[in-house]
PDB file of N, CA and C in Angstrom:
ATOM      1  N   MET A   1      35.942 -27.896  37.422  1.00  0.00           N
ATOM      2  CA  MET A   1      37.066 -27.060  36.617  1.00  0.00           C
ATOM      3  C   MET A   1      36.978 -25.950  37.875  1.00  0.00           C
ATOM      4  N   GLU A   2      38.306 -25.252  38.462  1.00  0.00           N
ATOM      5  CA  GLU A   2      38.469 -24.634  39.296  1.00  0.00           C
ATOM      6  C   GLU A   2      38.534 -23.260  38.682  1.00  0.00           C
ATOM      7  N   LYS A   3      37.853 -22.627  39.375  1.00  0.00           N
ATOM      8  CA  LYS A   3      38.126 -21.133  39.259  1.00  0.00           C
ATOM      9  C   LYS A   3      39.069 -20.780  39.438  1.00  0.00           C
ATOM     10  N   THR A   4      39.828 -19.513  38.376  1.00  0.00           N
ATOM     11  CA  THR A   4      40.712 -18.790  38.742  1.00  0.00           C
ATOM     12  C   THR A   4      40.415 -17.097  39.787  1.00  0.00           C
ATOM     13  N   ILE A   5      41.547 -16.530  40.496  1.00  0.00           N
ATOM     14  CA  ILE A   5      40.680 -15.194  41.250  1.00  0.00           C
ATOM     15  C   ILE A   5      41.589 -14.271  39.694  1.00  0.00           C
ATOM     16  N   LYS A   6      40.342 -13.782  39.242  1.00  0.00           N
ATOM     17  CA  LYS A   6      41.105 -12.983  38.367  1.00  0.00           C
ATOM     18  C   LYS A   6      40.518 -11.805  38.179  1.00  0.00           C
ATOM     19  N   THR A   7      40.179 -10.858  37.366  1.00  0.00           N
ATOM     20  CA  THR A   7      39.682  -9.963  36.989  1.00  0.00           C
ATOM     21  C   THR A   7      38.063 -10.572  35.665  1.00  0.00           C
ATOM     22  N   TYR A   8      37.189 -10.489  36.620  1.00  0.00           N
ATOM     23  CA  TYR A   8      35.873 -10.585  35.742  1.00  0.00           C
ATOM     24  C   TYR A   8      34.809  -9.971  35.696  1.00  0.00           C
ATOM     25  N   GLY A   9      34.174  -9.890  34.297  1.00  0.00           N
ATOM     26  CA  GLY A   9      33.167  -8.714  34.325  1.00  0.00           C
ATOM     27  C   GLY A   9      31.761  -9.148  35.079  1.00  0.00           C
ATOM     28  N   ARG A  10      31.200  -8.709  35.791  1.00  0.00           N
ATOM     29  CA  ARG A  10      29.852  -8.888  36.388  1.00  0.00           C
ATOM     30  C   ARG A  10      29.233  -9.333  35.670  1.00  0.00           C
ATOM     31  N   MET A  11      28.699  -9.630  34.393  1.00  0.00           N
ATOM     32  CA  MET A  11      27.922 -10.461  34.439  1.00  0.00           C
ATOM     33  C   MET A  11      28.741 -11.886  33.701  1.00  0.00           C
ATOM     34  N   GLU A  12      29.404 -11.861  33.334  1.00  0.00           N
ATOM     35  CA  GLU A  12      30.417 -13.245  33.544  1.00  0.00           C
ATOM     36  C   GLU A  12      30.868 -13.927  34.999  1.00  0.00           C
ATOM     37  N   LEU A  13      30.498 -13.072  36.063  1.00  0.00           N
ATOM     38  CA  LEU A  13      30.743 -13.417  37.051  1.00  0.00           C
ATOM     39  C   LEU A  13      29.072 -14.432  37.033  1.00  0.00           C
ATOM     40  N   ALA A  14      28.275 -13.665  37.292  1.00  0.00           N
ATOM     41  CA  ALA A  14      26.813 -13.779  37.263  1.00  0.00           C
ATOM     42  C   ALA A  14      26.181 -14.907  36.859  1.00  0.00           C
ATOM     43  N   GLN A  15      27.334 -15.250  35.408  1.00  0.00           N
ATOM     44  CA  GLN A  15      27.062 -16.841  34.791  1.00  0.00           C
ATOM     45  C   GLN A  15      27.014 -17.511  35.018  1.00  0.00           C
ATOM     46  N   MET A  16      28.614 -17.808  36.266  1.00  0.00           N
ATOM     47  CA  MET A  16      28.632 -18.549  36.420  1.00  0.00           C
ATOM     48  C   MET A  16      28.229 -19.327  36.950  1.00  0.00           C
ATOM     49  N   TYR A  17      27.619 -17.940  38.782  1.00  0.00           N
ATOM     50  CA  TYR A  17      26.758 -18.710  39.495  1.00  0.00           C
ATOM     51  C   TYR A  17      25.363 -19.552  39.296  1.00  0.00           C
ATOM     52  N   PHE A  18      24.704 -18.580  38.218  1.00  0.00           N
ATOM     53  CA  PHE A  18      23.558 -18.939  37.194  1.00  0.00           C
ATOM     54  C   PHE A  18      24.146 -19.193  36.254  1.00  0.00           C
ATOM     55  N   PRO A  19      23.791 -20.524  35.290  1.00  0.00           N
ATOM     56  CA  PRO A  19      24.600 -20.770  34.038  1.00  0.00           C
ATOM     57  C   PRO A  19      22.961 -20.792  33.562  1.00  0.00           C
ATOM     58  N   ALA A  20      21.967 -21.142  34.451  1.00  0.00           N
ATOM     59  CA  ALA A  20      20.583 -21.747  33.382  1.00  0.00           C
ATOM     60  C   ALA A  20      19.989 -20.467  32.631  1.00  0.00           C
ATOM     61  N   ILE A  21      19.931 -19.930  33.731  1.00  0.00           N
ATOM     62  CA  ILE A  21      19.199 -18.323  33.333  1.00  0.00           C
ATOM     63  C   ILE A  21      19.765 -16.884  32.270  1.00  0.00           C
ATOM     64  N   ALA A  22      19.676 -16.730  31.262  1.00  0.00           N
ATOM     65  CA  ALA A  22      19.737 -14.429  30.877  1.00  0.00           C
ATOM     66  C   ALA A  22      21.325 -14.242  31.501  1.00  0.00           C
ATOM     67  N   PRO A  23      21.788 -13.859  30.704  1.00  0.00           N
ATOM     68  CA  PRO A  23      23.245 -12.694  30.971  1.00  0.00           C
ATOM     69  C   PRO A  23      21.873 -12.066  32.666  1.00  0.00           C
ATOM     70  N   ARG A  24      21.538 -11.020  31.998  1.00  0.00           N
ATOM     71  CA  ARG A  24      20.952  -9.808  32.321  1.00  0.00           C
ATOM     72  C   ARG A  24      20.162 -10.411  33.631  1.00  0.00           C
ATOM     73  N   SER A  25      19.646 -11.754  33.958  1.00  0.00           N
ATOM     74  CA  SER A  25      18.505 -12.180  34.818  1.00  0.00           C
ATOM     75  C   SER A  25      19.865 -12.183  36.099  1.00  0.00           C
ATOM     76  N   ALA A  26      21.057 -13.310  34.952  1.00  0.00           N
ATOM     77  CA  ALA A  26      22.171 -13.764  36.440  1.00  0.00           C
ATOM     78  C   ALA A  26      22.062 -12.658  37.279  1.00  0.00           C
ATOM     79  N   TRP A  27      22.668 -11.774  36.444  1.00  0.00           N
ATOM     80  CA  TRP A  27      23.395 -10.140  36.960  1.00  0.00           C
ATOM     81  C   TRP A  27      22.224 -10.064  38.229  1.00  0.00           C
ATOM     82  N   ARG A  28      21.180 -10.001  37.742  1.00  0.00           N
ATOM     83  CA  ARG A  28      19.848  -8.987  38.960  1.00  0.00           C
ATOM     84  C   ARG A  28      19.806 -10.398  40.323  1.00  0.00           C
ATOM     85  N   ARG A  29      20.163 -11.497  39.923  1.00  0.00           N
ATOM     86  CA  ARG A  29      20.252 -12.396  41.017  1.00  0.00           C
ATOM     87  C   ARG A  29      21.452 -12.666  41.845  1.00  0.00           C
ATOM     88  N   MET A  30      22.525 -11.772  41.196  1.00  0.00           N
ATOM     89  CA  MET A  30      24.161 -12.233  41.693  1.00  0.00           C
ATOM     90  C   MET A  30      24.103 -10.771  42.670  1.00  0.00           C
ATOM     91  N   LYS A  31      23.242  -9.612  42.004  1.00  0.00           N
ATOM     92  CA  LYS A  31      23.188  -8.021  42.656  1.00  0.00           C
ATOM     93  C   LYS A  31      22.012  -8.128  43.938  1.00  0.00           C
ATOM     94  N   ASP A  32      21.367  -8.992  43.761  1.00  0.00           N
ATOM     95  CA  ASP A  32      20.426  -9.464  45.279  1.00  0.00           C
ATOM     96  C   ASP A  32      21.304  -9.800  46.323  1.00  0.00           C
ATOM     97  N   LEU A  33      21.847 -10.749  46.054  1.00  0.00           N
ATOM     98  CA  LEU A  33      23.189 -12.043  46.550  1.00  0.00           C
ATOM     99  C   LEU A  33      23.904 -10.917  47.185  1.00  0.00           C
ATOM    100  N   LEU A  34      24.470 -10.480  46.479  1.00  0.00           N
ATOM    101  CA  LEU A  34      25.362  -8.876  47.117  1.00  0.00           C
ATOM    102  C   LEU A  34      25.166  -8.305  48.049  1.00  0.00           C
ATOM    103  N   GLN A  35      23.733  -7.212  47.948  1.00  0.00           N
ATOM    104  CA  GLN A  35      22.842  -6.653  48.532  1.00  0.00           C
ATOM    105  C   GLN A  35      23.154  -6.941  50.146  1.00  0.00           C
ATOM    106  N   GLU A  36      22.170  -8.782  49.962  1.00  0.00           N
ATOM    107  CA  GLU A  36      22.193  -9.369  51.872  1.00  0.00           C
ATOM    108  C   GLU A  36      23.172  -9.351  52.314  1.00  0.00           C
ATOM    109  N   ASN A  37      24.372  -8.981  52.122  1.00  0.00           N
ATOM    110  CA  ASN A  37      25.539  -9.666  53.004  1.00  0.00           C
ATOM    111  C   ASN A  37      26.274  -8.303  52.589  1.00  0.00           C
ATOM    112  N   ALA A  38      26.742  -7.636  54.240  1.00  0.00           N
ATOM    113  CA  ALA A  38      27.180  -6.400  54.854  1.00  0.00           C
ATOM    114  C   ALA A  38      28.447  -6.289  54.414  1.00  0.00           C
ATOM    115  N   SER A  39      28.974  -7.397  54.123  1.00  0.00           N
ATOM    116  CA  SER A  39      30.522  -7.746  53.384  1.00  0.00           C
ATOM    117  C   SER A  39      30.800  -6.961  52.095  1.00  0.00           C
ATOM    118  N   THR A  40      29.539  -7.430  51.184  1.00  0.00           N
ATOM    119  CA  THR A  40      29.385  -7.619  50.041  1.00  0.00           C
ATOM    120  C   THR A  40      28.378  -6.583  49.097  1.00  0.00           C
ATOM    121  N   ALA A  41      28.005  -5.877  50.244  1.00  0.00           N
ATOM    122  CA  ALA A  41      27.178  -4.844  49.875  1.00  0.00           C
ATOM    123  C   ALA A  41      27.485  -4.002  48.389  1.00  0.00           C
ATOM    124  N   GLU A  42      28.859  -2.996  48.812  1.00  0.00           N
ATOM    125  CA  GLU A  42      29.158  -2.466  47.992  1.00  0.00           C
ATOM    126  C   GLU A  42      28.841  -2.842  47.120  1.00  0.00           C
ATOM    127  N   LEU A  43      29.605  -3.975  47.010  1.00  0.00           N
ATOM    128  CA  LEU A  43      29.987  -4.298  45.381  1.00  0.00           C
ATOM    129  C   LEU A  43      28.949  -4.175  44.770  1.00  0.00           C
ATOM    130  N   ALA A  44      27.420  -3.879  45.044  1.00  0.00           N
ATOM    131  CA  ALA A  44      26.359  -4.204  44.259  1.00  0.00           C
ATOM    132  C   ALA A  44      25.822  -3.014  43.877  1.00  0.00           C
ATOM    133  N   SER A  45      26.561  -1.913  44.557  1.00  0.00           N
ATOM    134  CA  SER A  45      26.068  -0.629  43.992  1.00  0.00           C
ATOM    135  C   SER A  45      27.689   0.236  43.129  1.00  0.00           C
ATOM    136  N   MET A  46      28.597  -0.293  43.132  1.00  0.00           N
ATOM    137  CA  MET A  46      29.387   0.079  41.384  1.00  0.00           C
ATOM    138  C   MET A  46      28.936   0.461  40.295  1.00  0.00           C
ATOM    139  N   SER A  47      29.089   1.351  39.795  1.00  0.00           N
ATOM    140  CA  SER A  47      29.666   1.793  38.720  1.00  0.00           C
ATOM    141  C   SER A  47      30.116   1.055  37.675  1.00  0.00           C
ATOM    142  N   ARG A  48      31.002   0.689  38.309  1.00  0.00           N
ATOM    143  CA  ARG A  48      32.034  -0.583  37.513  1.00  0.00           C
ATOM    144  C   ARG A  48      31.851  -1.414  37.077  1.00  0.00           C
ATOM    145  N   ARG A  49      31.708  -1.992  35.972  1.00  0.00           N
ATOM    146  CA  ARG A  49      31.165  -3.331  35.051  1.00  0.00           C
ATOM    147  C   ARG A  49      31.992  -4.580  35.013  1.00  0.00           C
ATOM    148  N   VAL A  50      33.846  -4.602  35.784  1.00  0.00           N
ATOM    149  CA  VAL A  50      33.832  -5.112  36.215  1.00  0.00           C
ATOM    150  C   VAL A  50      33.764  -5.892  37.946  1.00  0.00           C
ATOM    151  N   PHE A  51      35.146  -7.137  38.461  1.00  0.00           N
ATOM    152  CA  PHE A  51      35.068  -6.558  39.596  1.00  0.00           C
ATOM    153  C   PHE A  51      36.552  -7.175  39.671  1.00  0.00           C
ATOM    154  N   MET A  52      37.357  -6.474  40.180  1.00  0.00           N
ATOM    155  CA  MET A  52      38.897  -7.137  40.411  1.00  0.00           C
ATOM    156  C   MET A  52      38.956  -7.795  41.537  1.00  0.00           C
ATOM    157  N   PRO A  53      40.692  -8.437  41.114  1.00  0.00           N
ATOM    158  CA  PRO A  53      40.818  -9.940  41.319  1.00  0.00           C
ATOM    159  C   PRO A  53      40.462  -9.836  43.446  1.00  0.00           C
ATOM    160  N   ALA A  54      41.107  -8.783  43.860  1.00  0.00           N
ATOM    161  CA  ALA A  54      40.648  -9.442  45.086  1.00  0.00           C
ATOM    162  C   ALA A  54      39.313  -9.153  45.806  1.00  0.00           C
ATOM    163  N   GLU A  55      38.084  -8.527  45.224  1.00  0.00           N
ATOM    164  CA  GLU A  55      37.037  -8.553  45.334  1.00  0.00           C
ATOM    165  C   GLU A  55      35.877  -9.770  44.643  1.00  0.00           C
ATOM    166  N   VAL A  56      37.119 -10.333  43.662  1.00  0.00           N
ATOM    167  CA  VAL A  56      36.665 -12.060  43.561  1.00  0.00           C
ATOM    168  C   VAL A  56      37.265 -12.636  44.586  1.00  0.00           C
ATOM    169  N   SER A  57      37.656 -12.432  45.063  1.00  0.00           N
ATOM    170  CA  SER A  57      38.056 -13.500  46.336  1.00  0.00           C
ATOM    171  C   SER A  57      37.087 -13.312  47.511  1.00  0.00           C
ATOM    172  N   LEU A  58      36.984 -12.124  47.470  1.00  0.00           N
ATOM    173  CA  LEU A  58      35.936 -12.224  48.760  1.00  0.00           C
ATOM    174  C   LEU A  58      34.482 -12.186  48.241  1.00  0.00           C
ATOM    175  N   ILE A  59      33.898 -12.359  46.636  1.00  0.00           N
ATOM    176  CA  ILE A  59      32.971 -12.936  46.540  1.00  0.00           C
ATOM    177  C   ILE A  59      32.700 -14.524  46.618  1.00  0.00           C
ATOM    178  N   PHE A  60      34.749 -14.582  46.325  1.00  0.00           N
ATOM    179  CA  PHE A  60      34.785 -16.646  45.927  1.00  0.00           C
ATOM    180  C   PHE A  60      35.020 -17.184  47.696  1.00  0.00           C
ATOM    181  N   ASN A  61      35.034 -16.700  48.840  1.00  0.00           N
ATOM    182  CA  ASN A  61      35.035 -16.399  50.135  1.00  0.00           C
ATOM    183  C   ASN A  61      33.564 -16.432  50.998  1.00  0.00           C
ATOM    184  N   THR A  62      33.274 -15.601  49.772  1.00  0.00           N
ATOM    185  CA  THR A  62      31.326 -15.360  50.620  1.00  0.00           C
ATOM    186  C   THR A  62      30.854 -16.121  50.448  1.00  0.00           C
ATOM    187  N   PHE A  63      30.402 -16.765  49.268  1.00  0.00           N
ATOM    188  CA  PHE A  63      29.172 -17.098  48.142  1.00  0.00           C
ATOM    189  C   PHE A  63      30.332 -18.252  48.227  1.00  0.00           C
ATOM    190  N   GLY A  64      31.401 -19.216  48.107  1.00  0.00           N
ATOM    191  CA  GLY A  64      32.280 -20.096  47.142  1.00  0.00           C
ATOM    192  C   GLY A  64      32.228 -19.629  46.210  1.00  0.00           C
ATOM    193  N   LYS A  65      33.580 -21.103  45.488  1.00  0.00           N
ATOM    194  CA  LYS A  65      33.833 -20.927  44.184  1.00  0.00           C
ATOM    195  C   LYS A  65      31.709 -21.523  43.634  1.00  0.00           C
ATOM    196  N   PRO A  66      32.504 -20.960  42.714  1.00  0.00           N
ATOM    197  CA  PRO A  66      31.006 -21.491  41.917  1.00  0.00           C
ATOM    198  C   PRO A  66      30.346 -22.500  41.298  1.00  0.00           C
TER     199      PRO A  66
END
């Protein structure tokens, strides 16, 4: 199934990448991934609970579509 570029909640997006673990654990793991990459590090420290389409596009381009 093709994932579209739209606004995603941070836990919703994390669950797409890590579907076999609990939502909070998926977010923690995704946050670690974001921090390890220079182009996405800023996204890990945002207080906002959603990723805008441009940010989702950056994540998809960096890590591949889930």
